């Protein structure tokens, strides 16, 4: 926020503060979704597969890229 305030100036920043906040929230949300979605996929499959679930085998069978989609 400080860097945007320095770049735009105080008056211009106050006019566009809602856009800066929106962009920051959008970026944070995208990063957190990219990190947590594969973990959630593993967790759900572990819960449904039962006690013989192996994370290594699951990733080997489905591929790491499919884990992220």
PDB file of N, CA and C in Angstrom:
ATOM      1  N   UNK A   1       0.830  -1.190   0.000  1.00  0.00           N
ATOM      2  CA  UNK A   1       0.000   0.000   0.000  1.00  0.00           C
ATOM      3  C   UNK A   1       0.874   1.252   0.000  1.00  0.00           C
ATOM      4  N   UNK A   2       1.941   1.184   0.794  1.00  0.00           N
ATOM      5  CA  UNK A   2       2.822   2.351   0.873  1.00  0.00           C
ATOM      6  C   UNK A   2       3.463   2.630  -0.472  1.00  0.00           C
ATOM      7  N   UNK A   3       3.867   1.590  -1.182  1.00  0.00           N
ATOM      8  CA  UNK A   3       4.507   1.813  -2.481  1.00  0.00           C
ATOM      9  C   UNK A   3       3.527   2.430  -3.478  1.00  0.00           C
ATOM     10  N   UNK A   4       2.273   1.996  -3.444  1.00  0.00           N
ATOM     11  CA  UNK A   4       1.279   2.597  -4.335  1.00  0.00           C
ATOM     12  C   UNK A   4       1.008   4.052  -3.949  1.00  0.00           C
ATOM     13  N   UNK A   5       0.995   4.318  -2.667  1.00  0.00           N
ATOM     14  CA  UNK A   5       0.776   5.695  -2.222  1.00  0.00           C
ATOM     15  C   UNK A   5       1.926   6.587  -2.685  1.00  0.00           C
ATOM     16  N   UNK A   6       3.150   6.064  -2.615  1.00  0.00           N
ATOM     17  CA  UNK A   6       4.308   6.825  -3.067  1.00  0.00           C
ATOM     18  C   UNK A   6       4.283   7.030  -4.578  1.00  0.00           C
ATOM     19  N   UNK A   7       3.868   6.018  -5.322  1.00  0.00           N
ATOM     20  CA  UNK A   7       3.821   6.122  -6.788  1.00  0.00           C
ATOM     21  C   UNK A   7       2.754   7.086  -7.267  1.00  0.00           C
ATOM     22  N   UNK A   8       1.566   6.988  -6.693  1.00  0.00           N
ATOM     23  CA  UNK A   8       0.439   7.784  -7.175  1.00  0.00           C
ATOM     24  C   UNK A   8       0.351   9.158  -6.537  1.00  0.00           C
ATOM     25  N   UNK A   9       0.915   9.312  -5.401  1.00  0.00           N
ATOM     26  CA  UNK A   9       0.728  10.551  -4.653  1.00  0.00           C
ATOM     27  C   UNK A   9      -0.484  10.403  -3.744  1.00  0.00           C
ATOM     28  N   UNK A  10      -0.500  11.177  -2.680  1.00  0.00           N
ATOM     29  CA  UNK A  10      -1.541  11.005  -1.663  1.00  0.00           C
ATOM     30  C   UNK A  10      -2.943  11.254  -2.198  1.00  0.00           C
ATOM     31  N   UNK A  11      -3.134  12.331  -2.950  1.00  0.00           N
ATOM     32  CA  UNK A  11      -4.481  12.659  -3.439  1.00  0.00           C
ATOM     33  C   UNK A  11      -4.979  11.649  -4.462  1.00  0.00           C
ATOM     34  N   UNK A  12      -4.124  11.272  -5.397  1.00  0.00           N
ATOM     35  CA  UNK A  12      -4.517  10.309  -6.423  1.00  0.00           C
ATOM     36  C   UNK A  12      -4.756   8.925  -5.808  1.00  0.00           C
ATOM     37  N   UNK A  13      -3.947   8.577  -4.810  1.00  0.00           N
ATOM     38  CA  UNK A  13      -4.122   7.294  -4.134  1.00  0.00           C
ATOM     39  C   UNK A  13      -5.467   7.235  -3.427  1.00  0.00           C
ATOM     40  N   UNK A  14      -5.866   8.325  -2.778  1.00  0.00           N
ATOM     41  CA  UNK A  14      -7.158   8.349  -2.084  1.00  0.00           C
ATOM     42  C   UNK A  14      -8.313   8.166  -3.053  1.00  0.00           C
ATOM     43  N   UNK A  15      -8.149   8.636  -4.288  1.00  0.00           N
ATOM     44  CA  UNK A  15      -9.195   8.461  -5.295  1.00  0.00           C
ATOM     45  C   UNK A  15      -9.280   7.009  -5.761  1.00  0.00           C
ATOM     46  N   UNK A  16      -8.137   6.336  -5.821  1.00  0.00           N
ATOM     47  CA  UNK A  16      -8.088   4.979  -6.357  1.00  0.00           C
ATOM     48  C   UNK A  16      -7.825   3.912  -5.300  1.00  0.00           C
ATOM     49  N   UNK A  17      -8.014   4.255  -4.045  1.00  0.00           N
ATOM     50  CA  UNK A  17      -7.698   3.317  -2.968  1.00  0.00           C
ATOM     51  C   UNK A  17      -8.525   2.044  -3.053  1.00  0.00           C
ATOM     52  N   UNK A  18      -9.778   2.149  -3.433  1.00  0.00           N
ATOM     53  CA  UNK A  18     -10.624   0.962  -3.539  1.00  0.00           C
ATOM     54  C   UNK A  18     -10.116   0.002  -4.616  1.00  0.00           C
ATOM     55  N   UNK A  19      -9.564   0.537  -5.712  1.00  0.00           N
ATOM     56  CA  UNK A  19      -9.006  -0.325  -6.753  1.00  0.00           C
ATOM     57  C   UNK A  19      -7.729  -1.022  -6.284  1.00  0.00           C
ATOM     58  N   UNK A  20      -6.914  -0.312  -5.522  1.00  0.00           N
ATOM     59  CA  UNK A  20      -5.696  -0.905  -4.977  1.00  0.00           C
ATOM     60  C   UNK A  20      -6.062  -2.013  -3.990  1.00  0.00           C
ATOM     61  N   UNK A  21      -7.046  -1.763  -3.137  1.00  0.00           N
ATOM     62  CA  UNK A  21      -7.497  -2.786  -2.189  1.00  0.00           C
ATOM     63  C   UNK A  21      -8.074  -3.997  -2.910  1.00  0.00           C
ATOM     64  N   UNK A  22      -8.839  -3.756  -3.970  1.00  0.00           N
ATOM     65  CA  UNK A  22      -9.401  -4.847  -4.754  1.00  0.00           C
ATOM     66  C   UNK A  22      -8.295  -5.683  -5.387  1.00  0.00           C
ATOM     67  N   UNK A  23      -7.305  -5.038  -5.963  1.00  0.00           N
ATOM     68  CA  UNK A  23      -6.192  -5.752  -6.584  1.00  0.00           C
ATOM     69  C   UNK A  23      -5.391  -6.562  -5.584  1.00  0.00           C
ATOM     70  N   UNK A  24      -5.170  -5.992  -4.401  1.00  0.00           N
ATOM     71  CA  UNK A  24      -4.435  -6.706  -3.359  1.00  0.00           C
ATOM     72  C   UNK A  24      -5.226  -7.927  -2.885  1.00  0.00           C
ATOM     73  N   UNK A  25      -6.525  -7.776  -2.706  1.00  0.00           N
ATOM     74  CA  UNK A  25      -7.362  -8.895  -2.294  1.00  0.00           C
ATOM     75  C   UNK A  25      -7.441  -9.982  -3.357  1.00  0.00           C
ATOM     76  N   UNK A  26      -7.532  -9.577  -4.609  1.00  0.00           N
ATOM     77  CA  UNK A  26      -7.575 -10.525  -5.715  1.00  0.00           C
ATOM     78  C   UNK A  26      -6.280 -11.328  -5.797  1.00  0.00           C
ATOM     79  N   UNK A  27      -5.156 -10.656  -5.657  1.00  0.00           N
ATOM     80  CA  UNK A  27      -3.860 -11.327  -5.698  1.00  0.00           C
ATOM     81  C   UNK A  27      -3.701 -12.296  -4.533  1.00  0.00           C
ATOM     82  N   UNK A  28      -4.043 -11.852  -3.339  1.00  0.00           N
ATOM     83  CA  UNK A  28      -3.931 -12.717  -2.162  1.00  0.00           C
ATOM     84  C   UNK A  28      -4.857 -13.928  -2.283  1.00  0.00           C
ATOM     85  N   UNK A  29      -6.054 -13.729  -2.779  1.00  0.00           N
ATOM     86  CA  UNK A  29      -6.988 -14.836  -2.954  1.00  0.00           C
ATOM     87  C   UNK A  29      -6.515 -15.851  -3.976  1.00  0.00           C
ATOM     88  N   UNK A  30      -5.953 -15.370  -5.072  1.00  0.00           N
ATOM     89  CA  UNK A  30      -5.452 -16.278  -6.100  1.00  0.00           C
ATOM     90  C   UNK A  30      -4.279 -17.107  -5.593  1.00  0.00           C
ATOM     91  N   UNK A  31      -3.388 -16.482  -4.853  1.00  0.00           N
ATOM     92  CA  UNK A  31      -2.231 -17.204  -4.312  1.00  0.00           C
ATOM     93  C   UNK A  31      -2.681 -18.233  -3.286  1.00  0.00           C
ATOM     94  N   UNK A  32      -3.575 -17.845  -2.405  1.00  0.00           N
ATOM     95  CA  UNK A  32      -4.023 -18.790  -1.373  1.00  0.00           C
ATOM     96  C   UNK A  32      -4.805 -19.950  -1.988  1.00  0.00           C
ATOM     97  N   UNK A  33      -5.587 -19.708  -3.016  1.00  0.00           N
ATOM     98  CA  UNK A  33      -6.313 -20.795  -3.681  1.00  0.00           C
ATOM     99  C   UNK A  33      -5.344 -21.736  -4.385  1.00  0.00           C
ATOM    100  N   UNK A  34      -4.314 -21.186  -5.010  1.00  0.00           N
ATOM    101  CA  UNK A  34      -3.337 -22.027  -5.701  1.00  0.00           C
ATOM    102  C   UNK A  34      -2.581 -22.926  -4.733  1.00  0.00           C
ATOM    103  N   UNK A  35      -2.385 -22.467  -3.508  1.00  0.00           N
ATOM    104  CA  UNK A  35      -1.658 -23.263  -2.519  1.00  0.00           C
ATOM    105  C   UNK A  35      -2.572 -24.279  -1.844  1.00  0.00           C
ATOM    106  N   UNK A  36      -3.783 -23.890  -1.510  1.00  0.00           N
ATOM    107  CA  UNK A  36      -4.636 -24.773  -0.706  1.00  0.00           C
ATOM    108  C   UNK A  36      -5.463 -25.771  -1.513  1.00  0.00           C
ATOM    109  N   UNK A  37      -5.767 -25.511  -2.773  1.00  0.00           N
ATOM    110  CA  UNK A  37      -6.591 -26.449  -3.543  1.00  0.00           C
ATOM    111  C   UNK A  37      -5.956 -27.827  -3.705  1.00  0.00           C
ATOM    112  N   UNK A  38      -4.655 -27.937  -4.030  1.00  0.00           N
ATOM    113  CA  UNK A  38      -4.070 -29.280  -4.088  1.00  0.00           C
ATOM    114  C   UNK A  38      -4.108 -29.996  -2.739  1.00  0.00           C
ATOM    115  N   UNK A  39      -3.904 -29.259  -1.655  1.00  0.00           N
ATOM    116  CA  UNK A  39      -3.966 -29.866  -0.330  1.00  0.00           C
ATOM    117  C   UNK A  39      -5.379 -30.367  -0.022  1.00  0.00           C
ATOM    118  N   UNK A  40      -6.374 -29.605  -0.433  1.00  0.00           N
ATOM    119  CA  UNK A  40      -7.760 -30.015  -0.214  1.00  0.00           C
ATOM    120  C   UNK A  40      -8.096 -31.256  -1.046  1.00  0.00           C
ATOM    121  N   UNK A  41      -7.582 -31.320  -2.254  1.00  0.00           N
ATOM    122  CA  UNK A  41      -7.802 -32.485  -3.113  1.00  0.00           C
ATOM    123  C   UNK A  41      -7.221 -33.745  -2.473  1.00  0.00           C
ATOM    124  N   UNK A  42      -6.022 -33.646  -1.950  1.00  0.00           N
ATOM    125  CA  UNK A  42      -5.401 -34.788  -1.272  1.00  0.00           C
ATOM    126  C   UNK A  42      -6.210 -35.180  -0.041  1.00  0.00           C
ATOM    127  N   UNK A  43      -6.635 -34.205   0.738  1.00  0.00           N
ATOM    128  CA  UNK A  43      -7.397 -34.484   1.961  1.00  0.00           C
ATOM    129  C   UNK A  43      -8.708 -35.194   1.663  1.00  0.00           C
ATOM    130  N   UNK A  44      -9.445 -34.722   0.673  1.00  0.00           N
ATOM    131  CA  UNK A  44     -10.733 -35.339   0.339  1.00  0.00           C
ATOM    132  C   UNK A  44     -10.534 -36.765  -0.155  1.00  0.00           C
ATOM    133  N   UNK A  45      -9.533 -36.971  -0.999  1.00  0.00           N
ATOM    134  CA  UNK A  45      -9.287 -38.327  -1.494  1.00  0.00           C
ATOM    135  C   UNK A  45      -8.805 -39.246  -0.385  1.00  0.00           C
ATOM    136  N   UNK A  46      -8.047 -38.716   0.546  1.00  0.00           N
ATOM    137  CA  UNK A  46      -7.596 -39.522   1.687  1.00  0.00           C
ATOM    138  C   UNK A  46      -8.790 -39.933   2.546  1.00  0.00           C
ATOM    139  N   UNK A  47      -9.731 -39.029   2.746  1.00  0.00           N
ATOM    140  CA  UNK A  47     -10.902 -39.330   3.565  1.00  0.00           C
ATOM    141  C   UNK A  47     -11.807 -40.361   2.897  1.00  0.00           C
ATOM    142  N   UNK A  48     -11.905 -40.332   1.585  1.00  0.00           N
ATOM    143  CA  UNK A  48     -12.809 -41.247   0.893  1.00  0.00           C
ATOM    144  C   UNK A  48     -12.168 -42.595   0.580  1.00  0.00           C
ATOM    145  N   UNK A  49     -10.836 -42.665   0.521  1.00  0.00           N
ATOM    146  CA  UNK A  49     -10.164 -43.909   0.140  1.00  0.00           C
ATOM    147  C   UNK A  49     -10.010 -44.873   1.301  1.00  0.00           C
ATOM    148  N   UNK A  50      -9.976 -44.371   2.488  1.00  0.00           N
ATOM    149  CA  UNK A  50      -9.820 -45.256   3.637  1.00  0.00           C
ATOM    150  C   UNK A  50      -8.376 -45.347   4.097  1.00  0.00           C
ATOM    151  N   UNK A  51      -8.077 -46.358   4.909  1.00  0.00           N
ATOM    152  CA  UNK A  51      -6.756 -46.430   5.542  1.00  0.00           C
ATOM    153  C   UNK A  51      -5.620 -46.814   4.607  1.00  0.00           C
ATOM    154  N   UNK A  52      -5.911 -47.336   3.413  1.00  0.00           N
ATOM    155  CA  UNK A  52      -4.839 -47.760   2.514  1.00  0.00           C
ATOM    156  C   UNK A  52      -4.432 -46.674   1.518  1.00  0.00           C
ATOM    157  N   UNK A  53      -4.728 -45.425   1.802  1.00  0.00           N
ATOM    158  CA  UNK A  53      -4.415 -44.315   0.909  1.00  0.00           C
ATOM    159  C   UNK A  53      -2.938 -43.951   1.010  1.00  0.00           C
ATOM    160  N   UNK A  54      -2.294 -43.764  -0.133  1.00  0.00           N
ATOM    161  CA  UNK A  54      -0.898 -43.348  -0.192  1.00  0.00           C
ATOM    162  C   UNK A  54      -0.804 -42.072  -1.038  1.00  0.00           C
ATOM    163  N   UNK A  55      -0.252 -41.024  -0.456  1.00  0.00           N
ATOM    164  CA  UNK A  55      -0.131 -39.751  -1.178  1.00  0.00           C
ATOM    165  C   UNK A  55       0.785 -39.910  -2.381  1.00  0.00           C
ATOM    166  N   UNK A  56       1.885 -40.608  -2.202  1.00  0.00           N
ATOM    167  CA  UNK A  56       2.829 -40.809  -3.317  1.00  0.00           C
ATOM    168  C   UNK A  56       2.161 -41.550  -4.474  1.00  0.00           C
ATOM    169  N   UNK A  57       1.433 -42.601  -4.172  1.00  0.00           N
ATOM    170  CA  UNK A  57       0.748 -43.361  -5.217  1.00  0.00           C
ATOM    171  C   UNK A  57      -0.345 -42.518  -5.872  1.00  0.00           C
ATOM    172  N   UNK A  58      -1.062 -41.749  -5.084  1.00  0.00           N
ATOM    173  CA  UNK A  58      -2.107 -40.877  -5.625  1.00  0.00           C
ATOM    174  C   UNK A  58      -1.528 -39.864  -6.603  1.00  0.00           C
ATOM    175  N   UNK A  59      -0.414 -39.233  -6.237  1.00  0.00           N
ATOM    176  CA  UNK A  59       0.212 -38.250  -7.128  1.00  0.00           C
ATOM    177  C   UNK A  59       0.784 -38.937  -8.365  1.00  0.00           C
ATOM    178  N   UNK A  60       1.362 -40.135  -8.191  1.00  0.00           N
ATOM    179  CA  UNK A  60       1.921 -40.869  -9.319  1.00  0.00           C
ATOM    180  C   UNK A  60       0.832 -41.254 -10.316  1.00  0.00           C
ATOM    181  N   UNK A  61      -0.325 -41.675  -9.820  1.00  0.00           N
ATOM    182  CA  UNK A  61      -1.420 -42.098 -10.703  1.00  0.00           C
ATOM    183  C   UNK A  61      -2.097 -40.919 -11.391  1.00  0.00           C
ATOM    184  N   UNK A  62      -2.308 -39.837 -10.666  1.00  0.00           N
ATOM    185  CA  UNK A  62      -3.062 -38.707 -11.219  1.00  0.00           C
ATOM    186  C   UNK A  62      -2.183 -37.617 -11.808  1.00  0.00           C
ATOM    187  N   UNK A  63      -0.934 -37.574 -11.406  1.00  0.00           N
ATOM    188  CA  UNK A  63      -0.041 -36.527 -11.888  1.00  0.00           C
ATOM    189  C   UNK A  63      -0.141 -35.284 -11.036  1.00  0.00           C
ATOM    190  N   UNK A  64       0.966 -34.603 -10.898  1.00  0.00           N
ATOM    191  CA  UNK A  64       0.993 -33.402 -10.066  1.00  0.00           C
ATOM    192  C   UNK A  64       0.175 -32.274 -10.673  1.00  0.00           C
ATOM    193  N   UNK A  65       0.182 -32.161 -12.005  1.00  0.00           N
ATOM    194  CA  UNK A  65      -0.579 -31.097 -12.675  1.00  0.00           C
ATOM    195  C   UNK A  65      -2.077 -31.264 -12.432  1.00  0.00           C
ATOM    196  N   UNK A  66      -2.575 -32.491 -12.473  1.00  0.00           N
ATOM    197  CA  UNK A  66      -4.002 -32.724 -12.216  1.00  0.00           C
ATOM    198  C   UNK A  66      -4.382 -32.410 -10.780  1.00  0.00           C
ATOM    199  N   UNK A  67      -3.431 -32.436  -9.906  1.00  0.00           N
ATOM    200  CA  UNK A  67      -3.685 -32.095  -8.510  1.00  0.00           C
ATOM    201  C   UNK A  67      -4.042 -30.612  -8.374  1.00  0.00           C
ATOM    202  N   UNK A  68      -3.495 -29.798  -9.234  1.00  0.00           N
ATOM    203  CA  UNK A  68      -3.668 -28.352  -9.162  1.00  0.00           C
ATOM    204  C   UNK A  68      -4.884 -27.853  -9.927  1.00  0.00           C
ATOM    205  N   UNK A  69      -5.580 -28.734 -10.635  1.00  0.00           N
ATOM    206  CA  UNK A  69      -6.738 -28.269 -11.414  1.00  0.00           C
ATOM    207  C   UNK A  69      -8.033 -28.704 -10.801  1.00  0.00           C
TER     208      UNK A  69
END
